[in-house]
Amino acid sequence: MENISGGRRKIVSLIANTSAGAAALSFARLYFVTAPSVAEAETLYLNVTYIPPGYALRGTWTDRNDGFMGGKDEVMQIYSSPRFHRGFVFPLTIVQAPAPKEPLFSTDEHPGERITLTMETGVKVDAEYWNGWWAMDPNGSRKYGTSRMRWATEDSHALVFKYGSQTIGIRGFRSAQVSYEELLKVAASLKR
């Protein structure tokens, strides 16, 4: 690592491999800018080993305003499929946040369903499933700023769970061929 003006430069190591319609994304280490007298922080992110057929990684972002609002430590991976028009409009997203500040975007103030998720490693984790999300609707029951919203169950669904040091949020859309079973399979494939 290089010293820059008495601090350390942020380094992100990223390796992406795709094979047989599945994408594997591996995060190595993320170092944060620190003062020389402060120990450097290290956050290890989980690797996804299964993505639905036809989907590919389109981008990885940090500090977006549509995940958990977890700041610079939050990472969002966006996958889409050219096979489905809706796959570009409504992508599969995987959000990892060691310190989430908000519920997963567009699930707040709506109860989820408690489920038990069995990871590929055999570990069982408590998860919450949302069949839907908040969508704009002038006749909706929820007021949001000057707009109204309704809980829309036609397409979007999401899972949230804690695994290791990360809180994970995964959102997919049925119209883009991400069924409940596919959502569970993506979640179960996450590994340290």
Protein backbone atom coordinates (compact mmCIF):
# COMPACT_ATOMS: atom_id res chain seq x y z
CA MET A 1 0.00 0.00 0.00
CA GLU A 2 1.15 3.51 -0.74
CA ASN A 3 1.13 6.34 1.73
CA ILE A 4 -0.62 9.40 0.33
CA SER A 5 -0.36 12.64 2.35
CA GLY A 6 0.01 10.72 5.59
CA GLY A 7 -2.92 8.37 4.85
CA ARG A 8 -3.43 5.16 2.93
CA ARG A 9 -5.00 4.75 -0.48
CA LYS A 10 -8.16 2.66 -0.85
CA ILE A 11 -7.41 -0.54 -2.73
CA VAL A 12 -10.06 -2.85 -4.12
CA SER A 13 -9.07 -6.20 -5.58
CA LEU A 14 -11.67 -7.70 -7.86
CA ILE A 15 -11.59 -10.88 -9.90
CA ALA A 16 -14.48 -11.85 -12.17
CA ASN A 17 -14.88 -15.20 -13.89
CA THR A 18 -17.81 -16.46 -15.89
CA SER A 19 -18.49 -19.98 -17.04
CA ALA A 20 -21.50 -22.05 -18.12
CA GLY A 21 -23.97 -19.23 -17.63
CA ALA A 22 -22.97 -18.63 -14.02
CA ALA A 23 -20.85 -15.77 -12.81
CA ALA A 24 -18.43 -15.98 -9.91
CA LEU A 25 -17.29 -12.71 -8.45
CA SER A 26 -14.55 -12.72 -5.87
CA PHE A 27 -13.69 -9.79 -3.64
CA ALA A 28 -10.28 -9.91 -2.05
CA ARG A 29 -9.76 -7.00 0.34
CA LEU A 30 -11.00 -3.46 0.69
CA TYR A 31 -8.76 -1.03 2.54
CA PHE A 32 -10.03 2.35 3.69
CA VAL A 33 -8.22 5.66 3.91
CA THR A 34 -6.84 5.92 7.43
CA ALA A 35 -4.42 8.06 9.34
CA PRO A 36 -1.02 6.41 9.82
CA SER A 37 -1.67 5.97 13.56
CA VAL A 38 -4.98 4.16 13.02
CA ALA A 39 -5.03 0.45 12.20
CA GLU A 40 -6.31 -0.20 8.70
CA ALA A 41 -9.82 -1.61 8.47
CA GLU A 42 -10.47 -4.72 6.44
CA THR A 43 -13.83 -5.92 5.16
CA LEU A 44 -14.14 -9.26 3.42
CA TYR A 45 -17.11 -9.64 1.08
CA LEU A 46 -18.88 -12.87 0.20
CA ASN A 47 -18.59 -14.51 -3.22
CA VAL A 48 -21.67 -15.41 -5.25
CA THR A 49 -21.19 -18.73 -7.03
CA TYR A 50 -24.58 -19.07 -8.74
CA ILE A 51 -26.37 -16.60 -11.00
CA PRO A 52 -29.42 -17.60 -13.10
CA PRO A 53 -28.59 -18.77 -16.64
CA GLY A 54 -28.13 -15.90 -19.10
CA TYR A 55 -27.32 -13.33 -16.42
CA ALA A 56 -23.96 -11.55 -16.28
CA LEU A 57 -22.37 -8.98 -14.02
CA ARG A 58 -22.98 -5.46 -15.38
CA GLY A 59 -21.37 -3.47 -12.60
CA THR A 60 -20.27 -3.19 -9.00
CA TRP A 61 -20.89 -0.02 -7.01
CA THR A 62 -20.30 1.31 -3.52
CA ASP A 63 -22.28 3.86 -1.52
CA ARG A 64 -25.44 3.83 -3.66
CA ASN A 65 -28.69 5.25 -2.32
CA ASP A 66 -30.82 2.22 -3.16
CA GLY A 67 -29.39 -0.55 -1.01
CA PHE A 68 -29.11 -0.36 2.79
CA MET A 69 -27.60 3.16 2.78
CA GLY A 70 -24.52 1.54 4.32
CA GLY A 71 -22.05 4.12 3.04
CA LYS A 72 -18.64 3.47 1.52
CA ASP A 73 -18.47 -0.08 2.94
CA GLU A 74 -21.64 -1.19 1.13
CA VAL A 75 -21.17 -3.02 -2.18
CA MET A 76 -23.90 -3.60 -4.77
CA GLN A 77 -23.50 -6.01 -7.68
CA ILE A 78 -25.93 -5.62 -10.58
CA TYR A 79 -26.60 -8.52 -12.96
CA SER A 80 -28.81 -8.47 -16.04
CA SER A 81 -29.73 -10.73 -18.91
CA PRO A 82 -29.97 -9.74 -22.58
CA ARG A 83 -32.37 -12.68 -23.05
CA PHE A 84 -35.19 -10.82 -21.31
CA HIS A 85 -36.14 -7.21 -21.96
CA ARG A 86 -37.16 -6.94 -18.32
CA GLY A 87 -33.72 -8.27 -17.34
CA PHE A 88 -32.22 -4.90 -18.28
CA VAL A 89 -35.02 -2.80 -16.83
CA PHE A 90 -35.23 -4.80 -13.58
CA PRO A 91 -31.85 -6.41 -12.85
CA LEU A 92 -30.87 -8.93 -10.19
CA THR A 93 -29.09 -7.03 -7.42
CA ILE A 94 -26.96 -8.31 -4.56
CA VAL A 95 -26.12 -5.83 -1.80
CA GLN A 96 -23.58 -6.50 0.96
CA ALA A 97 -23.27 -4.14 3.91
CA PRO A 98 -21.34 -4.71 7.13
CA ALA A 99 -23.21 -1.83 8.80
CA PRO A 100 -26.60 -1.20 7.16
CA LYS A 101 -28.26 2.06 8.15
CA GLU A 102 -31.71 1.44 6.63
CA PRO A 103 -33.90 -1.53 5.61
CA LEU A 104 -33.33 -2.76 2.05
CA PHE A 105 -34.60 -0.10 -0.34
CA SER A 106 -38.35 -0.28 -0.94
CA THR A 107 -39.06 -2.90 1.77
CA ASP A 108 -39.34 -0.48 4.70
CA GLU A 109 -42.58 -0.25 6.65
CA HIS A 110 -43.84 -3.53 5.20
CA PRO A 111 -43.59 -6.84 7.08
CA GLY A 112 -41.57 -9.59 5.49
CA GLU A 113 -42.01 -13.34 5.89
CA ARG A 114 -39.50 -15.12 8.14
CA ILE A 115 -37.85 -18.09 6.44
CA THR A 116 -34.87 -20.35 7.08
CA LEU A 117 -32.29 -20.31 4.32
CA THR A 118 -29.95 -23.28 3.96
CA MET A 119 -26.61 -22.21 2.51
CA GLU A 120 -24.69 -24.53 0.16
CA THR A 121 -22.28 -25.07 3.05
CA GLY A 122 -25.15 -26.57 5.08
CA VAL A 123 -25.35 -23.63 7.51
CA LYS A 124 -28.89 -22.48 8.24
CA VAL A 125 -29.57 -18.75 8.56
CA ASP A 126 -32.67 -16.76 9.42
CA ALA A 127 -33.85 -14.65 6.50
CA GLU A 128 -36.72 -12.37 5.66
CA TYR A 129 -38.57 -12.59 2.32
CA TRP A 130 -40.61 -9.77 0.79
CA ASN A 131 -43.08 -10.67 -1.92
CA GLY A 132 -43.20 -7.21 -3.49
CA TRP A 133 -41.95 -3.67 -3.11
CA TRP A 134 -43.26 -0.12 -2.82
CA ALA A 135 -44.32 1.19 -6.25
CA MET A 136 -45.66 4.60 -7.26
CA ASP A 137 -49.46 4.65 -7.50
CA PRO A 138 -51.63 7.79 -7.26
CA ASN A 139 -54.23 5.72 -5.35
CA GLY A 140 -51.68 4.03 -3.06
CA SER A 141 -52.11 3.77 0.70
CA ARG A 142 -48.62 5.02 1.60
CA LYS A 143 -47.63 8.66 1.31
CA TYR A 144 -44.03 9.30 0.26
CA GLY A 145 -43.18 12.99 0.00
CA THR A 146 -45.80 14.37 -2.39
CA SER A 147 -46.39 10.97 -4.01
CA ARG A 148 -48.45 7.92 -3.09
CA MET A 149 -47.28 4.32 -3.19
CA ARG A 150 -48.76 0.85 -2.97
CA TRP A 151 -47.26 -2.52 -2.06
CA ALA A 152 -46.90 -4.16 -5.50
CA THR A 153 -46.62 -7.97 -5.51
CA GLU A 154 -46.78 -8.59 -9.26
CA ASP A 155 -43.06 -8.75 -9.99
CA SER A 156 -40.38 -7.77 -7.47
CA HIS A 157 -39.31 -9.90 -4.53
CA ALA A 158 -36.36 -9.75 -2.14
CA LEU A 159 -34.45 -11.60 0.56
CA VAL A 160 -32.48 -10.09 3.45
CA PHE A 161 -30.26 -12.05 5.84
CA LYS A 162 -27.09 -11.77 7.87
CA TYR A 163 -24.21 -14.08 7.00
CA GLY A 164 -20.80 -13.69 8.60
CA SER A 165 -20.09 -9.99 9.02
CA GLN A 166 -22.38 -8.96 6.15
CA THR A 167 -26.05 -8.11 5.85
CA ILE A 168 -27.12 -9.34 2.41
CA GLY A 169 -30.02 -8.07 0.33
CA ILE A 170 -30.97 -9.80 -2.93
CA ARG A 171 -33.72 -8.49 -5.20
CA GLY A 172 -35.01 -10.12 -8.38
CA PHE A 173 -37.98 -9.83 -10.71
CA ARG A 174 -40.23 -12.66 -11.86
CA SER A 175 -40.73 -11.02 -15.29
CA ALA A 176 -36.94 -11.30 -15.76
CA GLN A 177 -37.04 -15.04 -14.92
CA VAL A 178 -35.89 -14.77 -11.29
CA SER A 179 -38.36 -17.01 -9.48
CA TYR A 180 -38.55 -17.53 -5.72
CA GLU A 181 -36.49 -20.73 -6.17
CA GLU A 182 -33.82 -18.84 -8.18
CA LEU A 183 -33.68 -16.11 -5.52
CA LEU A 184 -33.07 -18.76 -2.83
CA LYS A 185 -30.44 -20.50 -4.99
CA VAL A 186 -28.49 -17.25 -5.51
CA ALA A 187 -28.62 -16.52 -1.77
CA ALA A 188 -27.53 -20.05 -0.81
CA SER A 189 -24.54 -19.84 -3.14
CA LEU A 190 -22.83 -17.03 -1.23
CA LYS A 191 -19.56 -18.16 0.33
CA ARG A 192 -16.80 -16.64 2.39
